[in-house]
Structures are given as structure tokens and as C-alpha cells.
Amino acid sequence: MRAWQVSTHGEPGDVLRAAEIRTPEPGPGQVLVRVRAAALNFPDVLMCRGQYQVQPPLPYTPGVELCGEVVGTGERVVGTPVLPTGALAEYAVMESDSVYPAPESLDDAEAAGFLLAYQTGWFGLHRRAKLQPGETLLVHAAAGGVGSAAVQLGKAAGATVIAVAGGAAKAEAARALGADVVVDRRERNFVADVKEATDGRGADVVYDPVGGDAYQGSTKCVAFEGRIIVVGFAGGTIPAPPLNHALVKNYSILGLHWGLYRTKDPEAVAACHRELTRLVEAGTIRTLIGERLSFDDAPAGLTRLAAGENLGRLVVVP
């Protein structure tokens, strides 16, 4: 089968090689899936660089999220493949208990980019931060894959959503997703705009997949007893926050690693998928697809993702 392979660590465009390899064979408790679409994620970039907390043995096929068809049954499913047999190939192996039905109203590309972003958003906003109707939610990278999901889920939860995005096109995309206030960080100071929009009170919940300056600025505009959800560090800088500041301002810093829930509380993940599917079928949320890529364009897509140039999800459709 055709597959992209990483045999040494480095930037995706430098280390990804197209290859013909054997079709993987599922083991006990696993299924073989024909890949219909593979969503690109920032962990794919970090794995290529050798910087992710989970490192598959070299060589491996990257791709941590897909929509596929179970060989033998034809069921259309979404989920995360078992590395080293990742989604950037014609076939991938998945654990049977980590396979979820693809929402019927989403096409293959939309379904491929659905699970990780919306599960992360749901667990972050509801389980970790316990977002309440009427609260103010600040979302960084609001036109990216993870951020766009958080904007929609925040609106679905009855929050007032302030979206921060980089550039006019991304700002317009965040506005189209339903954000109440949109800040183009290239043109304006989001800290000042958050304070103005909240009459000086600040944001009750901050959803931060960026880190660096986004996190530092958030500490200046988080409300009394607010919650900052640390989702990731796409900006490249991992903050080292002074905890005395959290003490003085009475806010909480909440870590979120969604992958742990799959082993610690799998039923909660399954229940979340059912609720998210209900929201999809009701037309409340829908995956924001920025670009549908060919198989050959996967390295270029990961390069754009690494640079933060993507709008919404980048999805490889073989």
C-alpha cells in the first residue's frame, strides 16, 4: 500500500517520504480500516520533529486522526489509529474500542477532523472548566482546527465568545462561526479588547492552544475565579507561569490532555461522542475545513500547519 513514512526526525517537509509498504495486519482487539480521509494535527508535526510526548518507533506512518471504512463490515468510522500504522496511508489499524461511528451528516473530510478537536473542546470547556451559560469564553487561535471547535461549543453552551485570530481572513472565519467579539491579534491588543468587552471584569474561561504570548496576555484579562485551560503550545513557547500571580488574582490553571480520558474514563469519551454527534445532526456544530489535500500534498500541509498558516482543518483525501 502507499504510505508516508518518517525514518528520521526533522521538519515534516524534510523527513516525510512516500513509500510502498505492506498492508498492516490487525491484532487481537483491533480492526483494519481503509482510510477515506486523514486530518492533519499539530501532534503530527511534533512527532516528525521528535518532540511529542509519545514517540512511535522509526520508521512509522504519521497521522493521528481519520475517517475510514472498516474492512469486512464497511462501517464508516472515525478515530485515532494505532501508531506506527498512522492515517497517512491507504490502510490503518485501530483498536476496536476506540472506533466511533462517523456522523452521517458529515462528509469524509469533515468527519476525519471531527473527533479530536471537538472532544478536546468538550472535555476542556465542560469537564475541566465547567463553563456556564452567560459566562464569557476567550478562545485563542479561534480559526484553527481546535479553536474553531471551541468557538462553536462555547456558543452551544450559552457563553459569550471572544475569538482571537491572526489576520483578516481568520477573523472573518471566527465571526462566521458565531463568535460575539472577534479580535485580529495582528491589528489589536486582545487584552484591552477583552477588558472593554467585559466592562473590565475579564474572561471567565480562557481556551489556549497557543501558549507563549497568548497565555501571558490571558493572565492579564482573566476574571476573578476565572479558569485558563492549557490545551497546547502551537506558538512554540511553553510558559512557566509565576504561581503567585494565580494566587493574587484567584484564577485557576487547568491542564488538558484528552488522550488520558480514553484510558481513564472511556465511557465518558463514548458519551461525549454521542452528544457531539447529536449537536452535529442538529446543525449546531460542523467541522471547519480549510483545505482538502491530495495524498501527495500531505508534507506541504503539515508544513503550513506547523507555521500556523492553516484556516480550519487541513485534511488529506486520498
C-alpha atoms as a PDB file:
ATOM      1  CA  MET A   1       0.000   0.000   0.000  1.00  0.00           C
ATOM      2  CA  ARG A   2       1.011   3.649  -0.365  1.00  0.00           C
ATOM      3  CA  ALA A   3       2.052   5.402   2.813  1.00  0.00           C
ATOM      4  CA  TRP A   4       4.042   8.350   4.067  1.00  0.00           C
ATOM      5  CA  GLN A   5       6.956   7.256   6.239  1.00  0.00           C
ATOM      6  CA  VAL A   6       9.168   9.042   8.776  1.00  0.00           C
ATOM      7  CA  SER A   7      12.545   7.358   9.227  1.00  0.00           C
ATOM      8  CA  THR A   8      14.420  10.223  10.904  1.00  0.00           C
ATOM      9  CA  HIS A   9      13.321  13.259  12.905  1.00  0.00           C
ATOM     10  CA  GLY A  10      13.085  16.762  11.477  1.00  0.00           C
ATOM     11  CA  GLU A  11      10.670  19.155   9.810  1.00  0.00           C
ATOM     12  CA  PRO A  12       7.773  17.336   8.051  1.00  0.00           C
ATOM     13  CA  GLY A  13       8.744  18.581   4.608  1.00  0.00           C
ATOM     14  CA  ASP A  14      12.265  17.247   5.077  1.00  0.00           C
ATOM     15  CA  VAL A  15      11.644  13.835   6.652  1.00  0.00           C
ATOM     16  CA  LEU A  16       8.420  12.541   5.075  1.00  0.00           C
ATOM     17  CA  ARG A  17       8.960  10.029   2.269  1.00  0.00           C
ATOM     18  CA  ALA A  18       6.324   8.315   0.141  1.00  0.00           C
ATOM     19  CA  ALA A  19       6.776   4.549   0.142  1.00  0.00           C
ATOM     20  CA  GLU A  20       5.169   1.246  -0.771  1.00  0.00           C
ATOM     21  CA  ILE A  21       4.850  -0.850   2.388  1.00  0.00           C
ATOM     22  CA  ARG A  22       2.943  -3.931   3.480  1.00  0.00           C
ATOM     23  CA  THR A  23      -0.676  -3.505   4.474  1.00  0.00           C
ATOM     24  CA  PRO A  24      -0.757  -3.802   8.278  1.00  0.00           C
ATOM     25  CA  GLU A  25      -2.475  -6.737   9.927  1.00  0.00           C
ATOM     26  CA  PRO A  26      -4.759  -6.106  12.907  1.00  0.00           C
ATOM     27  CA  GLY A  27      -4.029  -7.948  16.134  1.00  0.00           C
ATOM     28  CA  PRO A  28      -6.451  -9.143  18.818  1.00  0.00           C
ATOM     29  CA  GLY A  29      -8.993  -6.452  19.640  1.00  0.00           C
ATOM     30  CA  GLN A  30      -8.096  -4.434  16.552  1.00  0.00           C
ATOM     31  CA  VAL A  31      -9.638  -3.722  13.141  1.00  0.00           C
ATOM     32  CA  LEU A  32      -8.172  -2.863   9.752  1.00  0.00           C
ATOM     33  CA  VAL A  33      -9.579   0.346   8.279  1.00  0.00           C
ATOM     34  CA  ARG A  34      -9.389   1.671   4.727  1.00  0.00           C
ATOM     35  CA  VAL A  35      -8.571   5.357   5.078  1.00  0.00           C
ATOM     36  CA  ARG A  36     -11.130   7.631   3.431  1.00  0.00           C
ATOM     37  CA  ALA A  37      -9.690  10.879   4.814  1.00  0.00           C
ATOM     38  CA  ALA A  38      -6.903  11.814   7.248  1.00  0.00           C
ATOM     39  CA  ALA A  39      -6.936  15.060   9.250  1.00  0.00           C
ATOM     40  CA  LEU A  40      -3.609  16.755   9.939  1.00  0.00           C
ATOM     41  CA  ASN A  41      -2.894  17.678  13.565  1.00  0.00           C
ATOM     42  CA  PHE A  42      -0.151  19.555  15.385  1.00  0.00           C
ATOM     43  CA  PRO A  43       0.967  16.357  17.184  1.00  0.00           C
ATOM     44  CA  ASP A  44       1.866  15.002  13.722  1.00  0.00           C
ATOM     45  CA  VAL A  45       4.311  17.897  13.366  1.00  0.00           C
ATOM     46  CA  LEU A  46       5.770  17.347  16.827  1.00  0.00           C
ATOM     47  CA  MET A  47       6.200  13.612  16.196  1.00  0.00           C
ATOM     48  CA  CYS A  48       8.072  14.334  12.982  1.00  0.00           C
ATOM     49  CA  ARG A  49      10.368  16.587  14.992  1.00  0.00           C
ATOM     50  CA  GLY A  50      10.780  14.028  17.770  1.00  0.00           C
ATOM     51  CA  GLN A  51       9.257  16.476  20.269  1.00  0.00           C
ATOM     52  CA  TYR A  52       5.955  14.808  21.153  1.00  0.00           C
ATOM     53  CA  GLN A  53       5.369  13.044  24.481  1.00  0.00           C
ATOM     54  CA  VAL A  54       4.571   9.843  22.581  1.00  0.00           C
ATOM     55  CA  GLN A  55       7.201   8.692  20.096  1.00  0.00           C
ATOM     56  CA  PRO A  56       6.500   5.747  17.782  1.00  0.00           C
ATOM     57  CA  PRO A  57       9.492   3.654  16.742  1.00  0.00           C
ATOM     58  CA  LEU A  58      11.133   4.630  13.462  1.00  0.00           C
ATOM     59  CA  PRO A  59      10.172   4.194  10.716  1.00  0.00           C
ATOM     60  CA  TYR A  60       6.478   4.921  11.164  1.00  0.00           C
ATOM     61  CA  THR A  61       3.493   6.294   9.271  1.00  0.00           C
ATOM     62  CA  PRO A  62       2.172   9.547  10.832  1.00  0.00           C
ATOM     63  CA  GLY A  63      -1.429  10.661  11.090  1.00  0.00           C
ATOM     64  CA  VAL A  64      -3.360  10.535  14.360  1.00  0.00           C
ATOM     65  CA  GLU A  65      -6.927  11.058  13.120  1.00  0.00           C
ATOM     66  CA  LEU A  66      -9.025   9.610  10.326  1.00  0.00           C
ATOM     67  CA  CYS A  67     -12.342   8.744   8.820  1.00  0.00           C
ATOM     68  CA  GLY A  68     -12.292   5.253   7.394  1.00  0.00           C
ATOM     69  CA  GLU A  69     -14.184   2.158   6.405  1.00  0.00           C
ATOM     70  CA  VAL A  70     -13.804  -0.999   8.484  1.00  0.00           C
ATOM     71  CA  VAL A  71     -12.575  -3.791   6.235  1.00  0.00           C
ATOM     72  CA  GLY A  72     -15.047  -6.644   6.327  1.00  0.00           C
ATOM     73  CA  THR A  73     -18.068  -4.694   7.585  1.00  0.00           C
ATOM     74  CA  GLY A  74     -17.979  -1.471   5.539  1.00  0.00           C
ATOM     75  CA  GLU A  75     -18.899   0.613   8.591  1.00  0.00           C
ATOM     76  CA  ARG A  76     -17.835   4.251   8.253  1.00  0.00           C
ATOM     77  CA  VAL A  77     -15.972   5.249  11.395  1.00  0.00           C
ATOM     78  CA  VAL A  78     -13.780   7.935  12.940  1.00  0.00           C
ATOM     79  CA  GLY A  79     -10.985   7.633  15.445  1.00  0.00           C
ATOM     80  CA  THR A  80      -7.279   7.522  16.115  1.00  0.00           C
ATOM     81  CA  PRO A  81      -5.146   4.793  14.518  1.00  0.00           C
ATOM     82  CA  VAL A  82      -2.578   2.730  16.372  1.00  0.00           C
ATOM     83  CA  LEU A  83       0.903   4.014  15.595  1.00  0.00           C
ATOM     84  CA  PRO A  84       3.180   3.121  13.864  1.00  0.00           C
ATOM     85  CA  THR A  85       0.336   2.470  11.367  1.00  0.00           C
ATOM     86  CA  GLY A  86      -0.921   6.066  11.119  1.00  0.00           C
ATOM     87  CA  ALA A  87      -3.601   7.649   8.965  1.00  0.00           C
ATOM     88  CA  LEU A  88      -1.373   8.930   6.128  1.00  0.00           C
ATOM     89  CA  ALA A  89      -1.674   5.658   4.251  1.00  0.00           C
ATOM     90  CA  GLU A  90      -4.237   3.628   2.350  1.00  0.00           C
ATOM     91  CA  TYR A  91      -4.938   1.432   5.383  1.00  0.00           C
ATOM     92  CA  ALA A  92      -4.513   1.800   9.145  1.00  0.00           C
ATOM     93  CA  VAL A  93      -5.059  -0.317  12.247  1.00  0.00           C
ATOM     94  CA  MET A  94      -7.355   0.837  15.038  1.00  0.00           C
ATOM     95  CA  GLU A  95      -8.334  -0.503  18.449  1.00  0.00           C
ATOM     96  CA  SER A  96     -11.882  -1.854  18.313  1.00  0.00           C
ATOM     97  CA  ASP A  97     -12.895   0.012  21.470  1.00  0.00           C
ATOM     98  CA  SER A  98     -11.599   3.338  20.097  1.00  0.00           C
ATOM     99  CA  VAL A  99     -13.644   3.275  16.890  1.00  0.00           C
ATOM    100  CA  TYR A 100     -16.704   5.534  16.766  1.00  0.00           C
ATOM    101  CA  PRO A 101     -19.483   5.849  14.164  1.00  0.00           C
ATOM    102  CA  ALA A 102     -18.928   8.721  11.749  1.00  0.00           C
ATOM    103  CA  PRO A 103     -21.719  11.340  11.970  1.00  0.00           C
ATOM    104  CA  GLU A 104     -23.966  10.785   8.968  1.00  0.00           C
ATOM    105  CA  SER A 105     -24.304  14.455   8.051  1.00  0.00           C
ATOM    106  CA  LEU A 106     -20.520  14.983   7.789  1.00  0.00           C
ATOM    107  CA  ASP A 107     -18.647  14.033   4.629  1.00  0.00           C
ATOM    108  CA  ASP A 108     -15.389  12.083   4.898  1.00  0.00           C
ATOM    109  CA  ALA A 109     -13.154  15.142   5.275  1.00  0.00           C
ATOM    110  CA  GLU A 110     -15.415  16.761   7.868  1.00  0.00           C
ATOM    111  CA  ALA A 111     -15.692  13.502   9.796  1.00  0.00           C
ATOM    112  CA  ALA A 112     -11.914  12.970   9.735  1.00  0.00           C
ATOM    113  CA  GLY A 113     -11.383  16.303  11.502  1.00  0.00           C
ATOM    114  CA  PHE A 114     -14.229  15.908  13.955  1.00  0.00           C
ATOM    115  CA  LEU A 115     -13.157  13.660  16.819  1.00  0.00           C
ATOM    116  CA  LEU A 116     -10.021  15.180  18.334  1.00  0.00           C
ATOM    117  CA  ALA A 117     -10.914  18.877  18.059  1.00  0.00           C
ATOM    118  CA  TYR A 118     -14.447  18.570  19.406  1.00  0.00           C
ATOM    119  CA  GLN A 119     -13.653  16.006  22.094  1.00  0.00           C
ATOM    120  CA  THR A 120     -10.807  18.240  23.275  1.00  0.00           C
ATOM    121  CA  GLY A 121     -13.119  21.239  23.286  1.00  0.00           C
ATOM    122  CA  TRP A 122     -15.901  19.425  25.099  1.00  0.00           C
ATOM    123  CA  PHE A 123     -13.693  17.999  27.850  1.00  0.00           C
ATOM    124  CA  GLY A 124     -11.852  21.282  28.230  1.00  0.00           C
ATOM    125  CA  LEU A 125     -14.908  23.515  28.452  1.00  0.00           C
ATOM    126  CA  HIS A 126     -17.302  21.235  30.301  1.00  0.00           C
ATOM    127  CA  ARG A 127     -15.323  18.710  32.330  1.00  0.00           C
ATOM    128  CA  ARG A 128     -12.305  20.829  33.241  1.00  0.00           C
ATOM    129  CA  ALA A 129     -13.563  24.433  33.247  1.00  0.00           C
ATOM    130  CA  LYS A 130     -17.261  23.744  33.835  1.00  0.00           C
ATOM    131  CA  LEU A 131     -18.295  26.585  31.539  1.00  0.00           C
ATOM    132  CA  GLN A 132     -21.706  28.016  32.469  1.00  0.00           C
ATOM    133  CA  PRO A 133     -24.353  29.765  30.361  1.00  0.00           C
ATOM    134  CA  GLY A 134     -23.834  33.514  30.443  1.00  0.00           C
ATOM    135  CA  GLU A 135     -20.100  33.308  31.131  1.00  0.00           C
ATOM    136  CA  THR A 136     -17.508  34.838  28.823  1.00  0.00           C
ATOM    137  CA  LEU A 137     -15.187  32.487  26.944  1.00  0.00           C
ATOM    138  CA  LEU A 138     -11.945  33.700  25.341  1.00  0.00           C
ATOM    139  CA  VAL A 139     -10.662  31.417  22.553  1.00  0.00           C
ATOM    140  CA  HIS A 140      -7.173  31.777  21.084  1.00  0.00           C
ATOM    141  CA  ALA A 141      -6.384  30.575  17.526  1.00  0.00           C
ATOM    142  CA  ALA A 142     -10.127  30.704  17.002  1.00  0.00           C
ATOM    143  CA  ALA A 143      -9.979  29.939  13.274  1.00  0.00           C
ATOM    144  CA  GLY A 144      -7.700  26.922  13.668  1.00  0.00           C
ATOM    145  CA  GLY A 145      -8.871  23.344  13.992  1.00  0.00           C
ATOM    146  CA  VAL A 146      -9.030  23.181  17.797  1.00  0.00           C
ATOM    147  CA  GLY A 147     -10.035  26.811  18.308  1.00  0.00           C
ATOM    148  CA  SER A 148     -12.875  26.737  15.771  1.00  0.00           C
ATOM    149  CA  ALA A 149     -14.398  23.772  17.613  1.00  0.00           C
ATOM    150  CA  ALA A 150     -14.165  25.635  20.941  1.00  0.00           C
ATOM    151  CA  VAL A 151     -15.908  28.693  19.491  1.00  0.00           C
ATOM    152  CA  GLN A 152     -18.853  26.591  18.338  1.00  0.00           C
ATOM    153  CA  LEU A 153     -19.050  24.585  21.559  1.00  0.00           C
ATOM    154  CA  GLY A 154     -18.879  27.763  23.621  1.00  0.00           C
ATOM    155  CA  LYS A 155     -21.824  29.230  21.739  1.00  0.00           C
ATOM    156  CA  ALA A 156     -23.722  25.946  22.087  1.00  0.00           C
ATOM    157  CA  ALA A 157     -23.153  26.154  25.850  1.00  0.00           C
ATOM    158  CA  GLY A 158     -24.685  29.637  26.023  1.00  0.00           C
ATOM    159  CA  ALA A 159     -21.436  31.550  26.582  1.00  0.00           C
ATOM    160  CA  THR A 160     -20.430  34.904  25.152  1.00  0.00           C
ATOM    161  CA  VAL A 161     -17.434  34.061  22.961  1.00  0.00           C
ATOM    162  CA  ILE A 162     -14.484  36.371  22.323  1.00  0.00           C
ATOM    163  CA  ALA A 163     -12.360  34.972  19.497  1.00  0.00           C
ATOM    164  CA  VAL A 164      -8.734  35.887  18.854  1.00  0.00           C
ATOM    165  CA  ALA A 165      -7.367  35.153  15.371  1.00  0.00           C
ATOM    166  CA  GLY A 166      -4.401  36.206  13.275  1.00  0.00           C
ATOM    167  CA  GLY A 167      -5.309  38.107  10.098  1.00  0.00           C
ATOM    168  CA  ALA A 168      -8.450  39.380   8.408  1.00  0.00           C
ATOM    169  CA  ALA A 169      -9.427  36.087   6.778  1.00  0.00           C
ATOM    170  CA  LYS A 170      -9.172  34.156  10.036  1.00  0.00           C
ATOM    171  CA  ALA A 171     -11.021  36.879  11.912  1.00  0.00           C
ATOM    172  CA  GLU A 172     -13.861  36.685   9.393  1.00  0.00           C
ATOM    173  CA  ALA A 173     -13.953  32.873   9.725  1.00  0.00           C
ATOM    174  CA  ALA A 174     -14.249  33.173  13.513  1.00  0.00           C
ATOM    175  CA  ARG A 175     -17.071  35.660  13.092  1.00  0.00           C
ATOM    176  CA  ALA A 176     -18.872  33.276  10.742  1.00  0.00           C
ATOM    177  CA  LEU A 177     -18.593  30.538  13.391  1.00  0.00           C
ATOM    178  CA  GLY A 178     -20.698  32.687  15.705  1.00  0.00           C
ATOM    179  CA  ALA A 179     -18.156  34.500  17.879  1.00  0.00           C
ATOM    180  CA  ASP A 180     -19.690  37.541  19.572  1.00  0.00           C
ATOM    181  CA  VAL A 181     -16.469  39.572  19.591  1.00  0.00           C
ATOM    182  CA  VAL A 182     -13.561  38.986  17.201  1.00  0.00           C
ATOM    183  CA  VAL A 183     -10.054  40.354  17.737  1.00  0.00           C
ATOM    184  CA  ASP A 184      -7.439  40.335  14.987  1.00  0.00           C
ATOM    185  CA  ARG A 185      -4.297  39.998  17.094  1.00  0.00           C
ATOM    186  CA  ARG A 186      -2.208  41.421  14.249  1.00  0.00           C
ATOM    187  CA  GLU A 187      -4.111  44.679  14.456  1.00  0.00           C
ATOM    188  CA  ARG A 188      -5.290  44.982  18.056  1.00  0.00           C
ATOM    189  CA  ASN A 189      -4.343  44.186  21.657  1.00  0.00           C
ATOM    190  CA  PHE A 190      -6.632  41.355  22.731  1.00  0.00           C
ATOM    191  CA  VAL A 191      -6.088  42.120  26.427  1.00  0.00           C
ATOM    192  CA  ALA A 192      -7.541  45.602  26.070  1.00  0.00           C
ATOM    193  CA  ASP A 193     -10.396  44.363  23.887  1.00  0.00           C
ATOM    194  CA  VAL A 194     -11.349  41.616  26.365  1.00  0.00           C
ATOM    195  CA  LYS A 195     -11.432  44.118  29.209  1.00  0.00           C
ATOM    196  CA  GLU A 196     -13.521  46.520  27.135  1.00  0.00           C
ATOM    197  CA  ALA A 197     -15.982  43.801  26.075  1.00  0.00           C
ATOM    198  CA  THR A 198     -16.445  42.649  29.675  1.00  0.00           C
ATOM    199  CA  ASP A 199     -16.573  46.079  31.332  1.00  0.00           C
ATOM    200  CA  GLY A 200     -13.223  45.391  32.935  1.00  0.00           C
ATOM    201  CA  ARG A 201     -14.227  42.085  34.533  1.00  0.00           C
ATOM    202  CA  GLY A 202     -12.280  39.802  32.170  1.00  0.00           C
ATOM    203  CA  ALA A 203     -12.969  36.389  30.655  1.00  0.00           C
ATOM    204  CA  ASP A 204     -14.389  33.663  32.894  1.00  0.00           C
ATOM    205  CA  VAL A 205     -12.774  30.906  30.833  1.00  0.00           C
ATOM    206  CA  VAL A 206      -9.747  31.073  28.515  1.00  0.00           C
ATOM    207  CA  TYR A 207      -9.164  28.312  25.970  1.00  0.00           C
ATOM    208  CA  ASP A 208      -5.486  28.402  24.998  1.00  0.00           C
ATOM    209  CA  PRO A 209      -3.956  26.034  22.427  1.00  0.00           C
ATOM    210  CA  VAL A 210      -1.157  28.523  21.681  1.00  0.00           C
ATOM    211  CA  GLY A 211       0.892  29.255  24.817  1.00  0.00           C
ATOM    212  CA  GLY A 212       3.607  31.916  24.812  1.00  0.00           C
ATOM    213  CA  ASP A 213       2.316  35.462  24.496  1.00  0.00           C
ATOM    214  CA  ALA A 214      -1.293  34.241  24.248  1.00  0.00           C
ATOM    215  CA  TYR A 215      -1.034  32.679  27.691  1.00  0.00           C
ATOM    216  CA  GLN A 216       0.796  35.637  29.213  1.00  0.00           C
ATOM    217  CA  GLY A 217      -1.806  38.059  27.887  1.00  0.00           C
ATOM    218  CA  SER A 218      -4.614  35.849  29.146  1.00  0.00           C
ATOM    219  CA  THR A 219      -3.388  36.137  32.723  1.00  0.00           C
ATOM    220  CA  LYS A 220      -3.898  39.899  32.405  1.00  0.00           C
ATOM    221  CA  CYS A 221      -7.543  39.635  31.331  1.00  0.00           C
ATOM    222  CA  VAL A 222      -8.871  36.570  33.139  1.00  0.00           C
ATOM    223  CA  ALA A 223     -11.731  37.258  35.523  1.00  0.00           C
ATOM    224  CA  PHE A 224     -11.817  36.769  39.293  1.00  0.00           C
ATOM    225  CA  GLU A 225     -12.172  32.996  39.836  1.00  0.00           C
ATOM    226  CA  GLY A 226     -11.610  32.524  36.101  1.00  0.00           C
ATOM    227  CA  ARG A 227     -10.130  29.397  34.535  1.00  0.00           C
ATOM    228  CA  ILE A 228      -7.347  29.156  31.952  1.00  0.00           C
ATOM    229  CA  ILE A 229      -7.376  25.854  30.054  1.00  0.00           C
ATOM    230  CA  VAL A 230      -3.909  24.906  28.814  1.00  0.00           C
ATOM    231  CA  VAL A 231      -4.582  22.906  25.635  1.00  0.00           C
ATOM    232  CA  GLY A 232      -1.248  23.089  23.821  1.00  0.00           C
ATOM    233  CA  PHE A 233       1.677  25.191  22.706  1.00  0.00           C
ATOM    234  CA  ALA A 234       1.244  25.754  18.977  1.00  0.00           C
ATOM    235  CA  GLY A 235       3.038  29.078  19.328  1.00  0.00           C
ATOM    236  CA  GLY A 236       6.220  27.186  20.147  1.00  0.00           C
ATOM    237  CA  THR A 237       6.811  28.566  23.651  1.00  0.00           C
ATOM    238  CA  ILE A 238       5.804  26.687  26.799  1.00  0.00           C
ATOM    239  CA  PRO A 239       5.006  29.250  29.524  1.00  0.00           C
ATOM    240  CA  ALA A 240       6.493  28.997  33.009  1.00  0.00           C
ATOM    241  CA  PRO A 241       3.790  30.883  34.919  1.00  0.00           C
ATOM    242  CA  PRO A 242       4.570  32.564  38.249  1.00  0.00           C
ATOM    243  CA  LEU A 243       2.090  30.890  40.582  1.00  0.00           C
ATOM    244  CA  ASN A 244       1.964  33.882  42.888  1.00  0.00           C
ATOM    245  CA  HIS A 245       0.067  35.675  40.096  1.00  0.00           C
ATOM    246  CA  ALA A 246      -2.624  32.977  40.068  1.00  0.00           C
ATOM    247  CA  LEU A 247      -2.774  33.251  43.860  1.00  0.00           C
ATOM    248  CA  VAL A 248      -3.139  37.036  43.906  1.00  0.00           C
ATOM    249  CA  LYS A 249      -5.782  37.131  41.141  1.00  0.00           C
ATOM    250  CA  ASN A 250      -7.681  33.999  42.253  1.00  0.00           C
ATOM    251  CA  TYR A 251      -7.733  32.186  38.908  1.00  0.00           C
ATOM    252  CA  SER A 252      -7.170  28.519  38.083  1.00  0.00           C
ATOM    253  CA  ILE A 253      -4.757  26.990  35.572  1.00  0.00           C
ATOM    254  CA  LEU A 254      -6.213  23.759  34.174  1.00  0.00           C
ATOM    255  CA  GLY A 255      -4.234  21.263  32.137  1.00  0.00           C
ATOM    256  CA  LEU A 256      -5.981  19.225  29.462  1.00  0.00           C
ATOM    257  CA  HIS A 257      -4.640  16.037  27.884  1.00  0.00           C
ATOM    258  CA  TRP A 258      -7.669  14.499  26.192  1.00  0.00           C
ATOM    259  CA  GLY A 259      -5.851  11.269  25.339  1.00  0.00           C
ATOM    260  CA  LEU A 260      -5.788  10.249  29.005  1.00  0.00           C
ATOM    261  CA  TYR A 261      -9.583  10.082  29.103  1.00  0.00           C
ATOM    262  CA  ARG A 262      -9.546   7.224  26.614  1.00  0.00           C
ATOM    263  CA  THR A 263      -7.858   5.020  29.210  1.00  0.00           C
ATOM    264  CA  LYS A 264      -9.070   6.654  32.436  1.00  0.00           C
ATOM    265  CA  ASP A 265     -12.739   7.107  31.504  1.00  0.00           C
ATOM    266  CA  PRO A 266     -13.573   5.558  28.105  1.00  0.00           C
ATOM    267  CA  GLU A 267     -17.314   5.648  28.753  1.00  0.00           C
ATOM    268  CA  ALA A 268     -17.129   9.422  29.158  1.00  0.00           C
ATOM    269  CA  VAL A 269     -15.430   9.626  25.750  1.00  0.00           C
ATOM    270  CA  ALA A 270     -18.145   7.458  24.175  1.00  0.00           C
ATOM    271  CA  ALA A 271     -20.891   9.541  25.829  1.00  0.00           C
ATOM    272  CA  CYS A 272     -19.206  12.719  24.614  1.00  0.00           C
ATOM    273  CA  HIS A 273     -19.145  11.360  21.049  1.00  0.00           C
ATOM    274  CA  ARG A 274     -22.856  10.665  21.231  1.00  0.00           C
ATOM    275  CA  GLU A 275     -23.576  14.198  22.451  1.00  0.00           C
ATOM    276  CA  LEU A 276     -21.308  15.783  19.849  1.00  0.00           C
ATOM    277  CA  THR A 277     -22.954  13.710  17.125  1.00  0.00           C
ATOM    278  CA  ARG A 278     -26.334  14.983  18.340  1.00  0.00           C
ATOM    279  CA  LEU A 279     -25.073  18.566  18.044  1.00  0.00           C
ATOM    280  CA  VAL A 280     -23.814  17.857  14.522  1.00  0.00           C
ATOM    281  CA  GLU A 281     -27.100  16.350  13.402  1.00  0.00           C
ATOM    282  CA  ALA A 282     -28.940  19.341  14.906  1.00  0.00           C
ATOM    283  CA  GLY A 283     -26.768  21.686  12.831  1.00  0.00           C
ATOM    284  CA  THR A 284     -25.254  23.325  15.925  1.00  0.00           C
ATOM    285  CA  ILE A 285     -21.623  22.451  15.142  1.00  0.00           C
ATOM    286  CA  ARG A 286     -19.757  21.488  11.974  1.00  0.00           C
ATOM    287  CA  THR A 287     -16.093  20.909  11.208  1.00  0.00           C
ATOM    288  CA  LEU A 288     -14.419  23.930   9.623  1.00  0.00           C
ATOM    289  CA  ILE A 289     -12.469  22.607   6.631  1.00  0.00           C
ATOM    290  CA  GLY A 290      -9.811  24.957   5.377  1.00  0.00           C
ATOM    291  CA  GLU A 291      -8.433  22.767   2.615  1.00  0.00           C
ATOM    292  CA  ARG A 292      -8.815  19.275   1.192  1.00  0.00           C
ATOM    293  CA  LEU A 293      -5.395  17.991   0.149  1.00  0.00           C
ATOM    294  CA  SER A 294      -4.285  15.211  -2.150  1.00  0.00           C
ATOM    295  CA  PHE A 295      -2.137  12.391  -0.785  1.00  0.00           C
ATOM    296  CA  ASP A 296       0.939  13.934  -2.420  1.00  0.00           C
ATOM    297  CA  ASP A 297       0.334  17.290  -0.691  1.00  0.00           C
ATOM    298  CA  ALA A 298       0.469  15.911   2.870  1.00  0.00           C
ATOM    299  CA  PRO A 299       4.028  17.163   3.637  1.00  0.00           C
ATOM    300  CA  ALA A 300       3.186  20.663   2.387  1.00  0.00           C
ATOM    301  CA  GLY A 301       0.031  20.635   4.509  1.00  0.00           C
ATOM    302  CA  LEU A 302       1.964  19.729   7.655  1.00  0.00           C
ATOM    303  CA  THR A 303       4.464  22.486   6.862  1.00  0.00           C
ATOM    304  CA  ARG A 304       1.650  25.057   6.689  1.00  0.00           C
ATOM    305  CA  LEU A 305       0.142  23.672   9.876  1.00  0.00           C
ATOM    306  CA  ALA A 306       3.499  23.980  11.661  1.00  0.00           C
ATOM    307  CA  ALA A 307       3.719  27.620  10.586  1.00  0.00           C
ATOM    308  CA  GLY A 308       0.185  28.403  11.755  1.00  0.00           C
ATOM    309  CA  GLU A 309      -0.922  29.266   8.236  1.00  0.00           C
ATOM    310  CA  ASN A 310      -3.970  26.997   8.194  1.00  0.00           C
ATOM    311  CA  LEU A 311      -7.546  28.164   8.437  1.00  0.00           C
ATOM    312  CA  GLY A 312      -9.643  25.386   9.956  1.00  0.00           C
ATOM    313  CA  ARG A 313      -8.748  21.775   9.371  1.00  0.00           C
ATOM    314  CA  LEU A 314      -6.356  20.534   6.687  1.00  0.00           C
ATOM    315  CA  VAL A 315      -7.495  17.106   5.550  1.00  0.00           C
ATOM    316  CA  VAL A 316      -5.825  14.638   3.195  1.00  0.00           C
ATOM    317  CA  VAL A 317      -8.359  12.868   0.975  1.00  0.00           C
ATOM    318  CA  PRO A 318      -6.555  10.005  -0.832  1.00  0.00           C
END
